[in-house]
Amino acid sequence: ADLVVLAVGMVARGDAGEVAGLLRLPRSGDGFFLEAHPKLRPVETVVEGVYLAGCCQGPKDIPDAIAQAKAAASSAMIPLVRGRVGVEAATATVEEEICSGCGVCQQVCVYEALSLNERRGVMIVNKVLCKGCGACAVACPSGAIRVSHFTPAQVLAQAEALVYA
């Protein structure tokens, strides 16, 4: 043989599932954390402000891990240099007078931005986690959720403009 490669199999850490649950990070079939996009955003996750470096993303050698750590540190510095962190302008809002606290919106929210305020018996939106996708507003059986800048009247006006344009 011209080349012999000996390798030890590497598996994700045992507590990776717990970390993924806490930070809401997706994982690969092998249990490693997934990046937002393998080519365009290789150290970023789908969770804003959470970056990947090293073998948490999959097996890699030391030079690759160091390069990735430098890239992650550089990405993390951008909001610090700016001096502020922006949040999504279009976020969901719950009308407490209408909300029954059924939790349907919480079940469909992929960002886990909704939770039940048990004292008031209504759903509340975590504006930092909410990305304004509108899935909760569509699913709400009582129509208690609105997405800023996308009220029903605004959406209907946009649809009419498309039809009659």
Protein backbone atom coordinates (compact mmCIF):
# COMPACT_ATOMS: atom_id res chain seq x y z
CA ALA A 1 0.00 0.00 0.00
CA ASP A 2 1.19 3.49 -0.83
CA LEU A 3 -0.79 5.16 1.94
CA VAL A 4 -2.12 3.95 5.26
CA VAL A 5 -4.45 6.18 7.24
CA LEU A 6 -5.26 5.29 10.81
CA ALA A 7 -8.10 7.24 12.36
CA VAL A 8 -10.00 7.11 15.59
CA GLY A 9 -13.72 7.61 15.23
CA MET A 10 -15.04 10.79 16.77
CA VAL A 11 -18.54 11.22 18.17
CA ALA A 12 -20.31 14.29 19.51
CA ARG A 13 -20.07 14.94 23.24
CA GLY A 14 -22.66 13.28 25.39
CA ASP A 15 -24.04 16.61 26.63
CA ALA A 16 -24.38 18.10 23.12
CA GLY A 17 -28.11 17.41 23.16
CA GLU A 18 -28.55 19.35 26.39
CA VAL A 19 -26.54 22.30 25.03
CA ALA A 20 -28.53 22.18 21.78
CA GLY A 21 -31.76 22.32 23.75
CA LEU A 22 -30.66 25.26 25.88
CA LEU A 23 -29.35 27.30 22.96
CA ARG A 24 -31.91 26.04 20.40
CA LEU A 25 -29.20 24.79 18.05
CA PRO A 26 -29.91 22.27 15.30
CA ARG A 27 -27.72 19.17 15.10
CA SER A 28 -26.62 16.87 12.32
CA GLY A 29 -27.55 13.21 12.16
CA ASP A 30 -24.25 12.46 13.89
CA GLY A 31 -25.07 14.77 16.79
CA PHE A 32 -22.72 17.63 15.89
CA PHE A 33 -23.95 21.25 15.79
CA LEU A 34 -24.97 22.61 12.39
CA GLU A 35 -23.78 25.89 10.95
CA ALA A 36 -26.19 28.38 9.36
CA HIS A 37 -24.73 27.78 5.88
CA PRO A 38 -21.64 25.63 5.16
CA LYS A 39 -20.15 28.03 2.58
CA LEU A 40 -21.56 31.48 3.36
CA ARG A 41 -21.76 31.37 7.17
CA PRO A 42 -19.53 28.47 8.32
CA VAL A 43 -19.04 29.61 11.94
CA GLU A 44 -22.50 31.12 12.51
CA THR A 45 -25.53 29.23 13.78
CA VAL A 46 -29.18 29.92 13.14
CA VAL A 47 -29.23 31.49 16.62
CA GLU A 48 -27.97 35.04 16.39
CA GLY A 49 -24.88 35.59 18.55
CA VAL A 50 -23.95 31.90 18.84
CA TYR A 51 -20.87 30.83 16.88
CA LEU A 52 -19.15 27.48 16.30
CA ALA A 53 -15.49 26.54 16.46
CA GLY A 54 -13.56 23.30 16.71
CA CYS A 55 -14.89 19.79 16.88
CA CYS A 56 -18.39 20.73 18.09
CA GLN A 57 -19.23 20.95 14.38
CA GLY A 58 -17.55 17.72 13.39
CA PRO A 59 -14.10 16.13 13.32
CA LYS A 60 -11.29 18.44 12.20
CA ASP A 61 -7.58 18.91 12.71
CA ILE A 62 -5.94 21.52 14.93
CA PRO A 63 -5.08 24.11 12.22
CA ASP A 64 -8.69 24.03 10.98
CA ALA A 65 -10.02 24.37 14.53
CA ILE A 66 -7.75 27.38 15.18
CA ALA A 67 -8.75 29.06 11.92
CA GLN A 68 -12.40 28.48 12.73
CA ALA A 69 -11.95 29.87 16.26
CA LYS A 70 -10.39 33.04 14.83
CA ALA A 71 -13.30 33.42 12.41
CA ALA A 72 -15.83 32.91 15.22
CA ALA A 73 -14.05 35.47 17.43
CA SER A 74 -14.04 37.97 14.56
CA SER A 75 -17.74 37.43 13.95
CA ALA A 76 -18.50 37.87 17.64
CA MET A 77 -16.59 41.17 17.71
CA ILE A 78 -18.77 42.84 15.05
CA PRO A 79 -21.71 43.70 17.36
CA LEU A 80 -19.28 44.68 20.13
CA VAL A 81 -17.48 47.15 17.87
CA ARG A 82 -20.80 48.62 16.73
CA GLY A 83 -21.72 49.18 20.35
CA ARG A 84 -25.27 47.90 20.01
CA VAL A 85 -27.21 44.85 18.96
CA GLY A 86 -30.28 45.18 16.77
CA VAL A 87 -33.42 43.10 17.08
CA GLU A 88 -36.01 42.22 14.46
CA ALA A 89 -38.33 45.16 13.68
CA ALA A 90 -41.28 42.96 12.77
CA THR A 91 -42.14 40.85 15.79
CA ALA A 92 -45.30 39.23 17.07
CA THR A 93 -47.53 40.92 19.62
CA VAL A 94 -50.22 39.21 21.67
CA GLU A 95 -53.51 41.01 22.36
CA GLU A 96 -54.08 39.86 25.93
CA GLU A 97 -57.80 40.66 25.89
CA ILE A 98 -58.33 38.10 23.11
CA CYS A 99 -55.68 35.47 24.00
CA SER A 100 -56.99 32.33 25.70
CA GLY A 101 -53.53 30.94 26.52
CA CYS A 102 -54.18 27.74 24.54
CA GLY A 103 -50.52 27.40 23.46
CA VAL A 104 -51.13 26.59 19.77
CA CYS A 105 -48.81 29.46 18.82
CA GLN A 106 -46.10 28.08 21.09
CA GLN A 107 -46.28 24.69 19.37
CA VAL A 108 -45.71 26.14 15.88
CA CYS A 109 -42.99 28.67 16.78
CA VAL A 110 -39.66 27.27 15.55
CA TYR A 111 -37.78 30.04 17.42
CA GLU A 112 -39.41 29.14 20.76
CA ALA A 113 -40.23 32.81 21.25
CA LEU A 114 -43.61 32.26 22.91
CA SER A 115 -44.34 31.15 26.46
CA LEU A 116 -47.33 31.09 28.77
CA ASN A 117 -47.61 33.70 31.49
CA GLU A 118 -49.33 31.44 34.01
CA ARG A 119 -50.31 34.29 36.31
CA ARG A 120 -52.26 36.16 33.60
CA GLY A 121 -53.15 33.04 31.56
CA VAL A 122 -51.95 34.52 28.27
CA MET A 123 -49.07 33.93 25.89
CA ILE A 124 -46.12 36.33 25.88
CA VAL A 125 -43.56 36.95 23.13
CA ASN A 126 -39.82 37.10 23.74
CA LYS A 127 -38.97 39.96 21.33
CA VAL A 128 -35.30 38.96 21.24
CA LEU A 129 -36.05 35.44 19.99
CA CYS A 130 -38.95 36.38 17.68
CA LYS A 131 -38.02 36.69 13.99
CA GLY A 132 -41.43 37.91 12.81
CA CYS A 133 -42.15 34.94 10.55
CA GLY A 134 -45.88 35.04 11.36
CA ALA A 135 -46.40 31.30 11.90
CA CYS A 136 -47.90 31.98 15.33
CA ALA A 137 -50.31 34.59 13.96
CA VAL A 138 -51.57 32.18 11.33
CA ALA A 139 -51.99 29.34 13.83
CA CYS A 140 -53.71 31.36 16.58
CA PRO A 141 -57.34 30.14 16.69
CA SER A 142 -58.58 33.33 18.37
CA GLY A 143 -56.63 35.77 16.17
CA ALA A 144 -54.91 37.29 19.21
CA ILE A 145 -51.46 37.53 17.60
CA ARG A 146 -50.38 40.23 15.18
CA VAL A 147 -47.01 40.73 13.54
CA SER A 148 -45.82 44.35 13.51
CA HIS A 149 -46.10 45.94 10.06
CA PHE A 150 -48.22 43.00 8.85
CA THR A 151 -51.71 43.62 10.21
CA PRO A 152 -54.55 41.85 8.38
CA ALA A 153 -55.53 45.13 6.68
CA GLN A 154 -51.97 45.67 5.43
CA VAL A 155 -51.69 42.11 4.10
CA LEU A 156 -55.05 42.40 2.30
CA ALA A 157 -53.98 45.72 0.77
CA GLN A 158 -50.78 44.10 -0.50
CA ALA A 159 -52.74 41.18 -1.97
CA GLU A 160 -55.16 43.56 -3.70
CA ALA A 161 -52.25 45.55 -5.11
CA LEU A 162 -50.81 42.35 -6.59
CA VAL A 163 -54.12 41.26 -8.08
CA TYR A 164 -55.03 44.61 -9.59
CA ALA A 165 -51.53 45.68 -10.66
